[in-house]
Amino acid sequence: MSITATVSILIVALLHIAFLVIEMFLWDTKIGLRILGHSKEKAALTKTLAVNQGLYNGFLAAGLFWGITLGAEGFAINLFFLCCIITAGLFGALTVNKTIFYIQALPAMLALLLLFLC
């Protein structure tokens, strides 16, 4: 696997670690409310769901880190986790907020393209 592909996958994994932190630990804080544009009331109602969602984002990141550590042998693992992230990002963009496409799906699509090309 090329350095370009590896770095792009690493960026996607780090984004998902950031999502984990926001969703699990910052959801109802001033920082989290500002990032997400939620009210305190909405954050309080959705906090349990957000923590669960954050955990899943951590699993996605862990899968990408695992694939990266295997180098070329991790191709199928990276392919699987990037496809999962793209699917989740597209679904989120269609059902929650179009911005999710740019923050989640698009970086994973670019990493997937580089995985195949490099």
N, C-alpha and C. Protein backbone atom coordinates (compact mmCIF):
# COMPACT_ATOMS: atom_id res chain seq x y z
N MET A 1 0.85 -1.17 0.00
CA MET A 1 0.00 0.00 0.00
C MET A 1 0.90 1.24 0.00
N SER A 2 0.54 2.22 -0.81
CA SER A 2 1.37 3.41 -0.94
C SER A 2 1.26 4.31 0.30
N ILE A 3 2.23 5.19 0.41
CA ILE A 3 2.21 6.16 1.52
C ILE A 3 1.00 7.07 1.38
N THR A 4 0.67 7.46 0.15
CA THR A 4 -0.48 8.34 -0.08
C THR A 4 -1.78 7.68 0.40
N ALA A 5 -1.97 6.43 0.03
CA ALA A 5 -3.17 5.71 0.47
C ALA A 5 -3.17 5.54 1.99
N THR A 6 -2.03 5.20 2.54
CA THR A 6 -1.92 5.01 3.99
C THR A 6 -2.25 6.29 4.74
N VAL A 7 -1.71 7.40 4.29
CA VAL A 7 -1.97 8.69 4.95
C VAL A 7 -3.44 9.06 4.84
N SER A 8 -4.04 8.84 3.68
CA SER A 8 -5.46 9.17 3.52
C SER A 8 -6.34 8.31 4.42
N ILE A 9 -6.02 7.05 4.55
CA ILE A 9 -6.77 6.16 5.44
C ILE A 9 -6.56 6.58 6.90
N LEU A 10 -5.34 6.95 7.22
CA LEU A 10 -5.05 7.43 8.57
C LEU A 10 -5.86 8.68 8.90
N ILE A 11 -6.00 9.59 7.95
CA ILE A 11 -6.81 10.79 8.16
C ILE A 11 -8.26 10.42 8.44
N VAL A 12 -8.80 9.48 7.67
CA VAL A 12 -10.18 9.03 7.90
C VAL A 12 -10.31 8.41 9.29
N ALA A 13 -9.33 7.60 9.69
CA ALA A 13 -9.37 6.99 11.02
C ALA A 13 -9.33 8.07 12.10
N LEU A 14 -8.49 9.07 11.94
CA LEU A 14 -8.40 10.15 12.93
C LEU A 14 -9.68 10.98 12.98
N LEU A 15 -10.31 11.16 11.84
CA LEU A 15 -11.63 11.84 11.84
C LEU A 15 -12.61 11.07 12.71
N HIS A 16 -12.58 9.74 12.59
CA HIS A 16 -13.52 8.93 13.37
C HIS A 16 -13.18 8.91 14.86
N ILE A 17 -11.92 9.07 15.19
CA ILE A 17 -11.55 9.25 16.60
C ILE A 17 -12.11 10.59 17.09
N ALA A 18 -12.03 11.62 16.25
CA ALA A 18 -12.60 12.92 16.62
C ALA A 18 -14.11 12.81 16.80
N PHE A 19 -14.78 12.08 15.92
CA PHE A 19 -16.22 11.88 16.07
C PHE A 19 -16.52 11.16 17.38
N LEU A 20 -15.72 10.15 17.71
CA LEU A 20 -15.88 9.43 18.98
C LEU A 20 -15.80 10.41 20.15
N VAL A 21 -14.79 11.25 20.16
CA VAL A 21 -14.59 12.19 21.27
C VAL A 21 -15.78 13.15 21.37
N ILE A 22 -16.18 13.69 20.24
CA ILE A 22 -17.31 14.63 20.24
C ILE A 22 -18.58 13.95 20.74
N GLU A 23 -18.87 12.77 20.21
CA GLU A 23 -20.13 12.10 20.54
C GLU A 23 -20.14 11.48 21.93
N MET A 24 -19.01 10.97 22.37
CA MET A 24 -19.00 10.30 23.67
C MET A 24 -18.71 11.23 24.84
N PHE A 25 -17.92 12.27 24.61
CA PHE A 25 -17.46 13.08 25.73
C PHE A 25 -17.84 14.56 25.66
N LEU A 26 -18.10 15.07 24.48
CA LEU A 26 -18.37 16.51 24.34
C LEU A 26 -19.80 16.84 23.94
N TRP A 27 -20.62 15.85 23.73
CA TRP A 27 -21.96 16.01 23.17
C TRP A 27 -22.77 17.12 23.82
N ASP A 28 -22.78 17.15 25.14
CA ASP A 28 -23.63 18.12 25.83
C ASP A 28 -22.81 19.23 26.52
N THR A 29 -21.57 19.40 26.08
CA THR A 29 -20.74 20.48 26.62
C THR A 29 -20.85 21.69 25.70
N LYS A 30 -20.32 22.82 26.14
CA LYS A 30 -20.35 24.03 25.31
C LYS A 30 -19.68 23.80 23.96
N ILE A 31 -18.55 23.11 23.99
CA ILE A 31 -17.82 22.83 22.74
C ILE A 31 -18.66 21.95 21.82
N GLY A 32 -19.22 20.89 22.36
CA GLY A 32 -20.04 19.98 21.57
C GLY A 32 -21.27 20.66 21.00
N LEU A 33 -21.93 21.46 21.82
CA LEU A 33 -23.12 22.17 21.36
C LEU A 33 -22.76 23.13 20.22
N ARG A 34 -21.61 23.78 20.34
CA ARG A 34 -21.18 24.73 19.31
C ARG A 34 -20.83 23.99 18.01
N ILE A 35 -20.11 22.89 18.12
CA ILE A 35 -19.72 22.12 16.93
C ILE A 35 -20.94 21.58 16.21
N LEU A 36 -21.88 21.04 16.97
CA LEU A 36 -23.02 20.35 16.37
C LEU A 36 -24.24 21.23 16.15
N GLY A 37 -24.26 22.38 16.78
CA GLY A 37 -25.40 23.28 16.61
C GLY A 37 -26.67 22.79 17.28
N HIS A 38 -26.53 21.99 18.33
CA HIS A 38 -27.68 21.47 19.08
C HIS A 38 -27.99 22.38 20.26
N SER A 39 -29.23 22.31 20.68
CA SER A 39 -29.61 22.98 21.93
C SER A 39 -29.26 22.05 23.09
N LYS A 40 -29.20 22.61 24.29
CA LYS A 40 -28.94 21.78 25.48
C LYS A 40 -30.03 20.73 25.63
N GLU A 41 -31.25 21.12 25.32
CA GLU A 41 -32.39 20.19 25.46
C GLU A 41 -32.24 19.01 24.50
N LYS A 42 -31.93 19.31 23.25
CA LYS A 42 -31.76 18.24 22.26
C LYS A 42 -30.58 17.35 22.64
N ALA A 43 -29.50 17.94 23.09
CA ALA A 43 -28.33 17.17 23.50
C ALA A 43 -28.67 16.24 24.66
N ALA A 44 -29.44 16.74 25.62
CA ALA A 44 -29.82 15.91 26.76
C ALA A 44 -30.68 14.73 26.33
N LEU A 45 -31.59 14.97 25.38
CA LEU A 45 -32.48 13.91 24.91
C LEU A 45 -31.75 12.85 24.08
N THR A 46 -30.67 13.24 23.43
CA THR A 46 -30.00 12.33 22.50
C THR A 46 -28.64 11.84 22.99
N LYS A 47 -28.28 12.17 24.21
CA LYS A 47 -26.94 11.84 24.70
C LYS A 47 -26.64 10.34 24.67
N THR A 48 -27.56 9.51 25.10
CA THR A 48 -27.33 8.06 25.11
C THR A 48 -27.11 7.54 23.69
N LEU A 49 -27.90 8.05 22.74
CA LEU A 49 -27.71 7.64 21.35
C LEU A 49 -26.35 8.10 20.83
N ALA A 50 -25.95 9.30 21.20
CA ALA A 50 -24.67 9.85 20.74
C ALA A 50 -23.50 9.03 21.28
N VAL A 51 -23.57 8.64 22.52
CA VAL A 51 -22.49 7.83 23.11
C VAL A 51 -22.36 6.51 22.35
N ASN A 52 -23.49 5.90 22.05
CA ASN A 52 -23.49 4.65 21.29
C ASN A 52 -22.91 4.86 19.90
N GLN A 53 -23.30 5.94 19.27
CA GLN A 53 -22.80 6.28 17.94
C GLN A 53 -21.29 6.53 17.98
N GLY A 54 -20.83 7.19 19.01
CA GLY A 54 -19.41 7.44 19.17
C GLY A 54 -18.62 6.16 19.30
N LEU A 55 -19.17 5.20 20.03
CA LEU A 55 -18.50 3.92 20.18
C LEU A 55 -18.34 3.23 18.82
N TYR A 56 -19.39 3.27 18.01
CA TYR A 56 -19.30 2.68 16.67
C TYR A 56 -18.24 3.38 15.82
N ASN A 57 -18.14 4.69 15.95
CA ASN A 57 -17.10 5.41 15.21
C ASN A 57 -15.71 4.97 15.66
N GLY A 58 -15.58 4.67 16.94
CA GLY A 58 -14.31 4.14 17.44
C GLY A 58 -13.98 2.79 16.83
N PHE A 59 -14.99 1.94 16.65
CA PHE A 59 -14.77 0.65 16.02
C PHE A 59 -14.33 0.82 14.57
N LEU A 60 -14.94 1.77 13.87
CA LEU A 60 -14.54 2.02 12.48
C LEU A 60 -13.08 2.48 12.42
N ALA A 61 -12.71 3.38 13.31
CA ALA A 61 -11.32 3.85 13.37
C ALA A 61 -10.37 2.69 13.69
N ALA A 62 -10.75 1.86 14.65
CA ALA A 62 -9.91 0.73 15.02
C ALA A 62 -9.69 -0.21 13.84
N GLY A 63 -10.74 -0.43 13.06
CA GLY A 63 -10.61 -1.27 11.88
C GLY A 63 -9.64 -0.70 10.87
N LEU A 64 -9.70 0.61 10.67
CA LEU A 64 -8.76 1.24 9.73
C LEU A 64 -7.33 1.18 10.26
N PHE A 65 -7.15 1.42 11.56
CA PHE A 65 -5.80 1.31 12.13
C PHE A 65 -5.26 -0.11 11.96
N TRP A 66 -6.11 -1.08 12.17
CA TRP A 66 -5.73 -2.48 12.00
C TRP A 66 -5.28 -2.73 10.55
N GLY A 67 -6.09 -2.28 9.61
CA GLY A 67 -5.73 -2.46 8.20
C GLY A 67 -4.42 -1.77 7.85
N ILE A 68 -4.20 -0.58 8.38
CA ILE A 68 -2.96 0.16 8.10
C ILE A 68 -1.75 -0.61 8.62
N THR A 69 -1.87 -1.18 9.82
CA THR A 69 -0.72 -1.89 10.40
C THR A 69 -0.33 -3.12 9.60
N LEU A 70 -1.25 -3.65 8.82
CA LEU A 70 -0.95 -4.84 8.02
C LEU A 70 -0.36 -4.51 6.66
N GLY A 71 -0.28 -3.23 6.33
CA GLY A 71 0.27 -2.84 5.03
C GLY A 71 -0.56 -3.38 3.89
N ALA A 72 0.11 -3.92 2.87
CA ALA A 72 -0.58 -4.45 1.70
C ALA A 72 -1.52 -5.59 2.06
N GLU A 73 -1.18 -6.33 3.10
CA GLU A 73 -2.03 -7.44 3.55
C GLU A 73 -3.35 -6.96 4.15
N GLY A 74 -3.43 -5.68 4.47
CA GLY A 74 -4.64 -5.12 5.06
C GLY A 74 -5.60 -4.53 4.04
N PHE A 75 -5.35 -4.78 2.76
CA PHE A 75 -6.18 -4.20 1.71
C PHE A 75 -7.67 -4.49 1.93
N ALA A 76 -8.01 -5.75 2.12
CA ALA A 76 -9.42 -6.14 2.27
C ALA A 76 -10.04 -5.53 3.53
N ILE A 77 -9.27 -5.42 4.58
CA ILE A 77 -9.77 -4.82 5.82
C ILE A 77 -10.05 -3.34 5.60
N ASN A 78 -9.11 -2.63 4.97
CA ASN A 78 -9.32 -1.22 4.68
C ASN A 78 -10.50 -1.03 3.73
N LEU A 79 -10.60 -1.89 2.73
CA LEU A 79 -11.72 -1.83 1.80
C LEU A 79 -13.05 -1.96 2.54
N PHE A 80 -13.14 -2.95 3.41
CA PHE A 80 -14.38 -3.18 4.17
C PHE A 80 -14.74 -1.97 5.02
N PHE A 81 -13.79 -1.49 5.82
CA PHE A 81 -14.11 -0.40 6.74
C PHE A 81 -14.38 0.91 6.00
N LEU A 82 -13.66 1.18 4.92
CA LEU A 82 -13.95 2.39 4.14
C LEU A 82 -15.34 2.31 3.52
N CYS A 83 -15.73 1.15 3.03
CA CYS A 83 -17.08 0.98 2.48
C CYS A 83 -18.15 1.16 3.55
N CYS A 84 -17.88 0.67 4.75
CA CYS A 84 -18.82 0.88 5.87
C CYS A 84 -18.97 2.36 6.16
N ILE A 85 -17.86 3.08 6.18
CA ILE A 85 -17.87 4.51 6.48
C ILE A 85 -18.59 5.28 5.38
N ILE A 86 -18.34 4.92 4.13
CA ILE A 86 -19.02 5.58 3.02
C ILE A 86 -20.53 5.35 3.11
N THR A 87 -20.93 4.13 3.38
CA THR A 87 -22.36 3.81 3.50
C THR A 87 -23.00 4.61 4.63
N ALA A 88 -22.34 4.64 5.79
CA ALA A 88 -22.87 5.40 6.92
C ALA A 88 -22.94 6.89 6.60
N GLY A 89 -21.90 7.40 5.92
CA GLY A 89 -21.88 8.82 5.56
C GLY A 89 -22.96 9.18 4.57
N LEU A 90 -23.20 8.32 3.59
CA LEU A 90 -24.27 8.58 2.62
C LEU A 90 -25.64 8.51 3.29
N PHE A 91 -25.82 7.53 4.14
CA PHE A 91 -27.10 7.39 4.85
C PHE A 91 -27.33 8.60 5.76
N GLY A 92 -26.29 9.03 6.48
CA GLY A 92 -26.40 10.19 7.34
C GLY A 92 -26.71 11.45 6.56
N ALA A 93 -26.09 11.59 5.40
CA ALA A 93 -26.33 12.77 4.56
C ALA A 93 -27.77 12.79 4.06
N LEU A 94 -28.32 11.63 3.76
CA LEU A 94 -29.69 11.55 3.26
C LEU A 94 -30.73 11.72 4.37
N THR A 95 -30.40 11.26 5.57
CA THR A 95 -31.41 11.23 6.63
C THR A 95 -31.24 12.27 7.72
N VAL A 96 -30.04 12.82 7.89
CA VAL A 96 -29.79 13.73 9.01
C VAL A 96 -29.37 15.11 8.53
N ASN A 97 -28.23 15.18 7.83
CA ASN A 97 -27.68 16.47 7.44
C ASN A 97 -26.73 16.25 6.26
N LYS A 98 -26.91 17.04 5.20
CA LYS A 98 -26.07 16.89 4.01
C LYS A 98 -24.58 17.10 4.29
N THR A 99 -24.25 17.84 5.32
CA THR A 99 -22.86 18.09 5.69
C THR A 99 -22.13 16.80 6.00
N ILE A 100 -22.83 15.80 6.46
CA ILE A 100 -22.22 14.51 6.80
C ILE A 100 -21.52 13.92 5.58
N PHE A 101 -22.07 14.16 4.40
CA PHE A 101 -21.42 13.66 3.18
C PHE A 101 -20.00 14.19 3.09
N TYR A 102 -19.82 15.48 3.31
CA TYR A 102 -18.51 16.11 3.14
C TYR A 102 -17.55 15.77 4.28
N ILE A 103 -18.08 15.56 5.47
CA ILE A 103 -17.24 15.30 6.63
C ILE A 103 -16.88 13.82 6.76
N GLN A 104 -17.79 12.95 6.37
CA GLN A 104 -17.57 11.52 6.59
C GLN A 104 -17.41 10.73 5.29
N ALA A 105 -18.38 10.84 4.39
CA ALA A 105 -18.35 9.99 3.19
C ALA A 105 -17.26 10.40 2.21
N LEU A 106 -17.14 11.68 1.92
CA LEU A 106 -16.18 12.13 0.91
C LEU A 106 -14.73 11.80 1.26
N PRO A 107 -14.27 12.06 2.49
CA PRO A 107 -12.89 11.65 2.81
C PRO A 107 -12.67 10.14 2.65
N ALA A 108 -13.66 9.35 3.03
CA ALA A 108 -13.53 7.89 2.88
C ALA A 108 -13.54 7.49 1.41
N MET A 109 -14.32 8.19 0.59
CA MET A 109 -14.33 7.91 -0.85
C MET A 109 -12.97 8.21 -1.48
N LEU A 110 -12.38 9.32 -1.07
CA LEU A 110 -11.06 9.68 -1.59
C LEU A 110 -10.01 8.65 -1.14
N ALA A 111 -10.09 8.23 0.12
CA ALA A 111 -9.15 7.22 0.62
C ALA A 111 -9.34 5.90 -0.13
N LEU A 112 -10.57 5.54 -0.41
CA LEU A 112 -10.85 4.31 -1.15
C LEU A 112 -10.29 4.39 -2.57
N LEU A 113 -10.46 5.53 -3.20
CA LEU A 113 -9.91 5.73 -4.54
C LEU A 113 -8.39 5.59 -4.52
N LEU A 114 -7.75 6.20 -3.54
CA LEU A 114 -6.30 6.10 -3.42
C LEU A 114 -5.85 4.68 -3.09
N LEU A 115 -6.66 3.97 -2.32
CA LEU A 115 -6.34 2.57 -2.00
C LEU A 115 -6.26 1.74 -3.27
N PHE A 116 -7.17 2.01 -4.21
CA PHE A 116 -7.17 1.26 -5.47
C PHE A 116 -6.12 1.75 -6.46
N LEU A 117 -5.86 3.06 -6.46
CA LEU A 117 -4.96 3.61 -7.47
C LEU A 117 -3.49 3.56 -7.10
N CYS A 118 -3.20 3.57 -5.80
CA CYS A 118 -1.79 3.68 -5.39
C CYS A 118 -1.26 2.38 -4.81
